[in-house]
Structures are given as structure tokens and as C-alpha cells.
Amino acid sequence: MARVLYYDKESKGLFVRELIIWEVPLSNGFPQGLKYRFVLIHKGERVLGYDNKFGEGNHKHFRGKKIAVEISSKDEIFNLLGAFLVESRSVMEFMGGKID
């Protein structure tokens, strides 16, 4: 059974940023025992995201493409969260908005 470890959702103007990490049983699909989704949405469309959807592994969504991401530990998932916050701020500023 999944248990939420971290959740945050912010919105400002046309942007929504949602961050969630679940603790899940260890498995081939979730070898770190964590499932996560970090997403930045603009006007209802995902412009940036990271997740490890079961069967798809760790990956990044950017400009309509899916790019594999190497993750080998729980710490790297939390580091990815921090990197996503920085990257999403840059994307928002480039697109003319921001979430403080």
C-alpha cells in the first residue's frame, strides 16, 4: 500500500506545480521503494515533468519528449526533487511567469 511522504501543490496565474512522493513496497518497478511525480503545468498542459510510472522507469517529460533518467537510490530521488524546483522556476521565468 502506498503512503504519501511528501506533497506540495502551488499555482499562480496559468502555472500549476505539483510534487508528490509515495513510499511503496520494494519491487522491480520501484526498486528504491518510492514512486514520484513532479510536474509543471501551463494552461492545462504539462511543460515539464519527472516520474517513475510503473513499467516505464525513471524519466523526464520535456517539450513532448520522454527522456530516461538514471536513479539508483532514494537520495537521488530527493535530489531530483530539488533539481526539478530549480528547473521549473527557470522554465516559468522563460515563459513569463513564476511561483514564489
N, C-alpha and C. Protein backbone atom coordinates (compact mmCIF):
# COMPACT_ATOMS: atom_id res chain seq x y z
N MET A 1 0.84 -1.19 0.00
CA MET A 1 0.00 0.00 0.00
C MET A 1 0.88 1.25 0.00
N ALA A 2 0.52 2.23 -0.81
CA ALA A 2 1.31 3.46 -0.92
C ALA A 2 0.98 4.41 0.22
N ARG A 3 2.02 5.13 0.67
CA ARG A 3 1.87 6.13 1.72
C ARG A 3 2.54 7.41 1.24
N VAL A 4 1.84 8.52 1.30
CA VAL A 4 2.40 9.80 0.85
C VAL A 4 3.48 10.25 1.83
N LEU A 5 4.69 10.48 1.31
CA LEU A 5 5.80 11.01 2.12
C LEU A 5 5.91 12.52 1.97
N TYR A 6 5.60 13.02 0.78
CA TYR A 6 5.75 14.45 0.52
C TYR A 6 4.71 14.86 -0.51
N TYR A 7 4.05 15.99 -0.26
CA TYR A 7 3.09 16.52 -1.23
C TYR A 7 3.10 18.03 -1.15
N ASP A 8 3.12 18.67 -2.32
CA ASP A 8 3.02 20.12 -2.39
C ASP A 8 2.40 20.48 -3.73
N LYS A 9 1.50 21.44 -3.71
CA LYS A 9 0.89 21.92 -4.94
C LYS A 9 0.78 23.43 -4.84
N GLU A 10 1.26 24.10 -5.87
CA GLU A 10 1.22 25.56 -5.91
C GLU A 10 0.66 25.99 -7.26
N SER A 11 -0.04 27.09 -7.26
CA SER A 11 -0.49 27.63 -8.54
C SER A 11 -0.39 29.15 -8.49
N LYS A 12 -0.10 29.69 -9.66
CA LYS A 12 -0.04 31.14 -9.80
C LYS A 12 -0.27 31.45 -11.27
N GLY A 13 -1.27 32.26 -11.51
CA GLY A 13 -1.58 32.59 -12.90
C GLY A 13 -1.94 31.33 -13.67
N LEU A 14 -1.26 31.11 -14.76
CA LEU A 14 -1.54 29.98 -15.63
C LEU A 14 -0.68 28.76 -15.33
N PHE A 15 0.11 28.82 -14.24
CA PHE A 15 1.01 27.72 -13.89
C PHE A 15 0.51 26.95 -12.67
N VAL A 16 0.72 25.64 -12.69
CA VAL A 16 0.48 24.77 -11.55
C VAL A 16 1.71 23.87 -11.43
N ARG A 17 2.23 23.78 -10.22
CA ARG A 17 3.37 22.87 -9.95
C ARG A 17 2.93 21.91 -8.85
N GLU A 18 3.04 20.62 -9.14
CA GLU A 18 2.64 19.59 -8.17
C GLU A 18 3.80 18.62 -7.97
N LEU A 19 4.06 18.33 -6.70
CA LEU A 19 5.16 17.44 -6.31
C LEU A 19 4.61 16.39 -5.36
N ILE A 20 4.86 15.12 -5.66
CA ILE A 20 4.39 14.07 -4.77
C ILE A 20 5.36 12.90 -4.78
N ILE A 21 5.62 12.38 -3.59
CA ILE A 21 6.45 11.19 -3.43
C ILE A 21 5.69 10.24 -2.53
N TRP A 22 5.53 9.00 -2.99
CA TRP A 22 4.88 7.95 -2.21
C TRP A 22 5.91 6.91 -1.80
N GLU A 23 5.75 6.34 -0.62
CA GLU A 23 6.51 5.17 -0.22
C GLU A 23 5.68 3.96 -0.65
N VAL A 24 6.31 3.05 -1.41
CA VAL A 24 5.62 1.86 -1.92
C VAL A 24 6.48 0.63 -1.60
N PRO A 25 5.89 -0.55 -1.66
CA PRO A 25 6.70 -1.75 -1.43
C PRO A 25 7.81 -1.88 -2.47
N LEU A 26 8.95 -2.38 -2.05
CA LEU A 26 10.04 -2.65 -2.99
C LEU A 26 9.55 -3.63 -4.04
N SER A 27 9.91 -3.37 -5.30
CA SER A 27 9.52 -4.25 -6.40
C SER A 27 10.45 -3.97 -7.58
N ASN A 28 10.32 -4.75 -8.63
CA ASN A 28 11.11 -4.50 -9.84
C ASN A 28 10.77 -3.14 -10.43
N GLY A 29 9.50 -2.74 -10.32
CA GLY A 29 9.07 -1.46 -10.86
C GLY A 29 9.50 -0.27 -10.02
N PHE A 30 9.68 -0.49 -8.71
CA PHE A 30 10.07 0.58 -7.79
C PHE A 30 11.19 0.08 -6.87
N PRO A 31 12.39 -0.11 -7.42
CA PRO A 31 13.49 -0.70 -6.63
C PRO A 31 13.96 0.15 -5.45
N GLN A 32 13.64 1.45 -5.44
CA GLN A 32 14.01 2.31 -4.31
C GLN A 32 12.89 2.37 -3.27
N GLY A 33 11.76 1.74 -3.56
CA GLY A 33 10.62 1.78 -2.63
C GLY A 33 9.90 3.11 -2.64
N LEU A 34 10.13 3.92 -3.69
CA LEU A 34 9.46 5.21 -3.82
C LEU A 34 8.87 5.36 -5.21
N LYS A 35 7.70 5.94 -5.26
CA LYS A 35 7.07 6.35 -6.51
C LYS A 35 6.97 7.86 -6.44
N TYR A 36 7.20 8.56 -7.56
CA TYR A 36 7.16 10.02 -7.52
C TYR A 36 6.60 10.60 -8.81
N ARG A 37 6.12 11.83 -8.67
CA ARG A 37 5.68 12.62 -9.83
C ARG A 37 5.92 14.08 -9.50
N PHE A 38 6.70 14.74 -10.32
CA PHE A 38 6.95 16.17 -10.21
C PHE A 38 6.50 16.77 -11.54
N VAL A 39 5.57 17.69 -11.53
CA VAL A 39 5.04 18.20 -12.79
C VAL A 39 4.79 19.70 -12.74
N LEU A 40 5.08 20.34 -13.86
CA LEU A 40 4.78 21.76 -14.07
C LEU A 40 3.79 21.83 -15.23
N ILE A 41 2.65 22.45 -14.96
CA ILE A 41 1.59 22.56 -15.96
C ILE A 41 1.37 24.03 -16.29
N HIS A 42 1.21 24.31 -17.57
CA HIS A 42 0.93 25.67 -18.04
C HIS A 42 -0.28 25.60 -18.97
N LYS A 43 -1.31 26.35 -18.65
CA LYS A 43 -2.54 26.36 -19.44
C LYS A 43 -3.08 24.94 -19.65
N GLY A 44 -3.01 24.11 -18.62
CA GLY A 44 -3.57 22.77 -18.67
C GLY A 44 -2.69 21.73 -19.35
N GLU A 45 -1.51 22.10 -19.80
CA GLU A 45 -0.62 21.16 -20.47
C GLU A 45 0.70 21.02 -19.70
N ARG A 46 1.19 19.78 -19.61
CA ARG A 46 2.47 19.54 -18.95
C ARG A 46 3.59 20.12 -19.81
N VAL A 47 4.41 20.98 -19.20
CA VAL A 47 5.57 21.52 -19.91
C VAL A 47 6.87 20.92 -19.39
N LEU A 48 6.82 20.36 -18.17
CA LEU A 48 8.00 19.73 -17.59
C LEU A 48 7.52 18.72 -16.56
N GLY A 49 8.16 17.58 -16.51
CA GLY A 49 7.78 16.59 -15.51
C GLY A 49 8.82 15.51 -15.34
N TYR A 50 8.82 14.91 -14.17
CA TYR A 50 9.64 13.74 -13.86
C TYR A 50 8.74 12.75 -13.15
N ASP A 51 8.86 11.46 -13.51
CA ASP A 51 8.11 10.45 -12.79
C ASP A 51 8.73 9.08 -13.04
N ASN A 52 8.21 8.11 -12.30
CA ASN A 52 8.65 6.73 -12.47
C ASN A 52 7.42 5.81 -12.54
N LYS A 53 6.52 6.15 -13.45
CA LYS A 53 5.31 5.36 -13.65
C LYS A 53 5.68 3.89 -13.82
N PHE A 54 4.92 3.01 -13.16
CA PHE A 54 5.21 1.58 -13.20
C PHE A 54 5.33 1.10 -14.65
N GLY A 55 6.40 0.37 -14.91
CA GLY A 55 6.64 -0.17 -16.24
C GLY A 55 7.38 0.76 -17.17
N GLU A 56 7.56 2.02 -16.79
CA GLU A 56 8.25 2.98 -17.65
C GLU A 56 9.57 3.45 -17.08
N GLY A 57 9.85 3.14 -15.82
CA GLY A 57 11.11 3.55 -15.21
C GLY A 57 11.17 5.05 -14.96
N ASN A 58 12.31 5.51 -14.51
CA ASN A 58 12.54 6.93 -14.22
C ASN A 58 12.71 7.69 -15.53
N HIS A 59 11.96 8.77 -15.69
CA HIS A 59 12.07 9.54 -16.92
C HIS A 59 11.61 10.98 -16.73
N LYS A 60 12.02 11.79 -17.68
CA LYS A 60 11.70 13.21 -17.72
C LYS A 60 10.80 13.48 -18.92
N HIS A 61 9.83 14.37 -18.75
CA HIS A 61 9.00 14.84 -19.85
C HIS A 61 9.37 16.30 -20.10
N PHE A 62 9.72 16.61 -21.34
CA PHE A 62 10.03 17.99 -21.69
C PHE A 62 9.77 18.21 -23.17
N ARG A 63 8.97 19.21 -23.46
CA ARG A 63 8.65 19.56 -24.85
C ARG A 63 8.15 18.37 -25.66
N GLY A 64 7.29 17.58 -25.02
CA GLY A 64 6.67 16.46 -25.72
C GLY A 64 7.52 15.22 -25.86
N LYS A 65 8.70 15.22 -25.28
CA LYS A 65 9.59 14.06 -25.36
C LYS A 65 9.75 13.42 -23.99
N LYS A 66 10.01 12.12 -24.00
CA LYS A 66 10.29 11.38 -22.76
C LYS A 66 11.75 10.96 -22.81
N ILE A 67 12.50 11.31 -21.76
CA ILE A 67 13.94 11.07 -21.71
C ILE A 67 14.24 10.25 -20.45
N ALA A 68 14.92 9.12 -20.61
CA ALA A 68 15.27 8.27 -19.47
C ALA A 68 16.19 9.01 -18.51
N VAL A 69 16.01 8.76 -17.21
CA VAL A 69 16.82 9.36 -16.16
C VAL A 69 17.33 8.22 -15.28
N GLU A 70 18.62 8.23 -14.96
CA GLU A 70 19.22 7.21 -14.09
C GLU A 70 19.02 7.58 -12.63
N ILE A 71 18.39 6.70 -11.89
CA ILE A 71 18.18 6.88 -10.45
C ILE A 71 18.54 5.56 -9.79
N SER A 72 19.42 5.59 -8.80
CA SER A 72 19.82 4.34 -8.16
C SER A 72 19.61 4.32 -6.65
N SER A 73 19.11 5.43 -6.08
CA SER A 73 18.91 5.45 -4.64
C SER A 73 17.77 6.41 -4.27
N LYS A 74 17.27 6.27 -3.05
CA LYS A 74 16.25 7.18 -2.55
C LYS A 74 16.78 8.61 -2.51
N ASP A 75 18.03 8.77 -2.08
CA ASP A 75 18.62 10.11 -2.02
C ASP A 75 18.58 10.80 -3.37
N GLU A 76 18.81 10.04 -4.44
CA GLU A 76 18.80 10.65 -5.78
C GLU A 76 17.41 11.13 -6.17
N ILE A 77 16.37 10.48 -5.68
CA ILE A 77 15.01 10.94 -5.96
C ILE A 77 14.77 12.28 -5.26
N PHE A 78 15.22 12.41 -4.02
CA PHE A 78 15.05 13.68 -3.31
C PHE A 78 15.94 14.76 -3.92
N ASN A 79 17.13 14.40 -4.41
CA ASN A 79 17.97 15.36 -5.13
C ASN A 79 17.28 15.82 -6.41
N LEU A 80 16.61 14.88 -7.09
CA LEU A 80 15.87 15.21 -8.31
C LEU A 80 14.74 16.19 -8.00
N LEU A 81 14.10 16.05 -6.86
CA LEU A 81 13.06 16.99 -6.45
C LEU A 81 13.64 18.41 -6.38
N GLY A 82 14.78 18.55 -5.73
CA GLY A 82 15.42 19.87 -5.65
C GLY A 82 15.80 20.41 -7.02
N ALA A 83 16.33 19.56 -7.87
CA ALA A 83 16.71 19.98 -9.23
C ALA A 83 15.47 20.38 -10.03
N PHE A 84 14.36 19.64 -9.83
CA PHE A 84 13.12 19.99 -10.52
C PHE A 84 12.63 21.38 -10.11
N LEU A 85 12.72 21.70 -8.83
CA LEU A 85 12.28 23.02 -8.37
C LEU A 85 13.06 24.13 -9.07
N VAL A 86 14.37 23.95 -9.19
CA VAL A 86 15.21 24.94 -9.87
C VAL A 86 14.86 25.00 -11.35
N GLU A 87 14.76 23.83 -11.98
CA GLU A 87 14.47 23.78 -13.42
C GLU A 87 13.08 24.36 -13.72
N SER A 88 12.10 24.04 -12.89
CA SER A 88 10.75 24.54 -13.15
C SER A 88 10.69 26.06 -13.01
N ARG A 89 11.43 26.63 -12.05
CA ARG A 89 11.48 28.10 -11.93
C ARG A 89 12.05 28.72 -13.20
N SER A 90 13.11 28.11 -13.74
CA SER A 90 13.71 28.63 -14.97
C SER A 90 12.74 28.56 -16.13
N VAL A 91 12.03 27.46 -16.26
CA VAL A 91 11.05 27.29 -17.34
C VAL A 91 9.94 28.33 -17.19
N MET A 92 9.44 28.53 -15.96
CA MET A 92 8.38 29.52 -15.74
C MET A 92 8.86 30.91 -16.08
N GLU A 93 10.05 31.27 -15.65
CA GLU A 93 10.57 32.60 -15.94
C GLU A 93 10.73 32.79 -17.44
N PHE A 94 11.20 31.77 -18.15
CA PHE A 94 11.35 31.83 -19.60
C PHE A 94 9.99 32.05 -20.27
N MET A 95 8.95 31.43 -19.69
CA MET A 95 7.60 31.53 -20.26
C MET A 95 6.84 32.73 -19.74
N GLY A 96 7.46 33.53 -18.89
CA GLY A 96 6.84 34.77 -18.45
C GLY A 96 6.05 34.70 -17.16
N GLY A 97 6.35 33.75 -16.29
CA GLY A 97 5.64 33.67 -15.01
C GLY A 97 6.53 33.08 -13.95
N LYS A 98 6.02 32.98 -12.73
CA LYS A 98 6.78 32.34 -11.67
C LYS A 98 5.87 31.99 -10.50
N ILE A 99 6.31 31.00 -9.73
CA ILE A 99 5.68 30.67 -8.47
C ILE A 99 6.72 30.97 -7.40
N ASP A 100 6.40 31.82 -6.45
CA ASP A 100 7.36 32.18 -5.40
C ASP A 100 7.49 31.08 -4.37
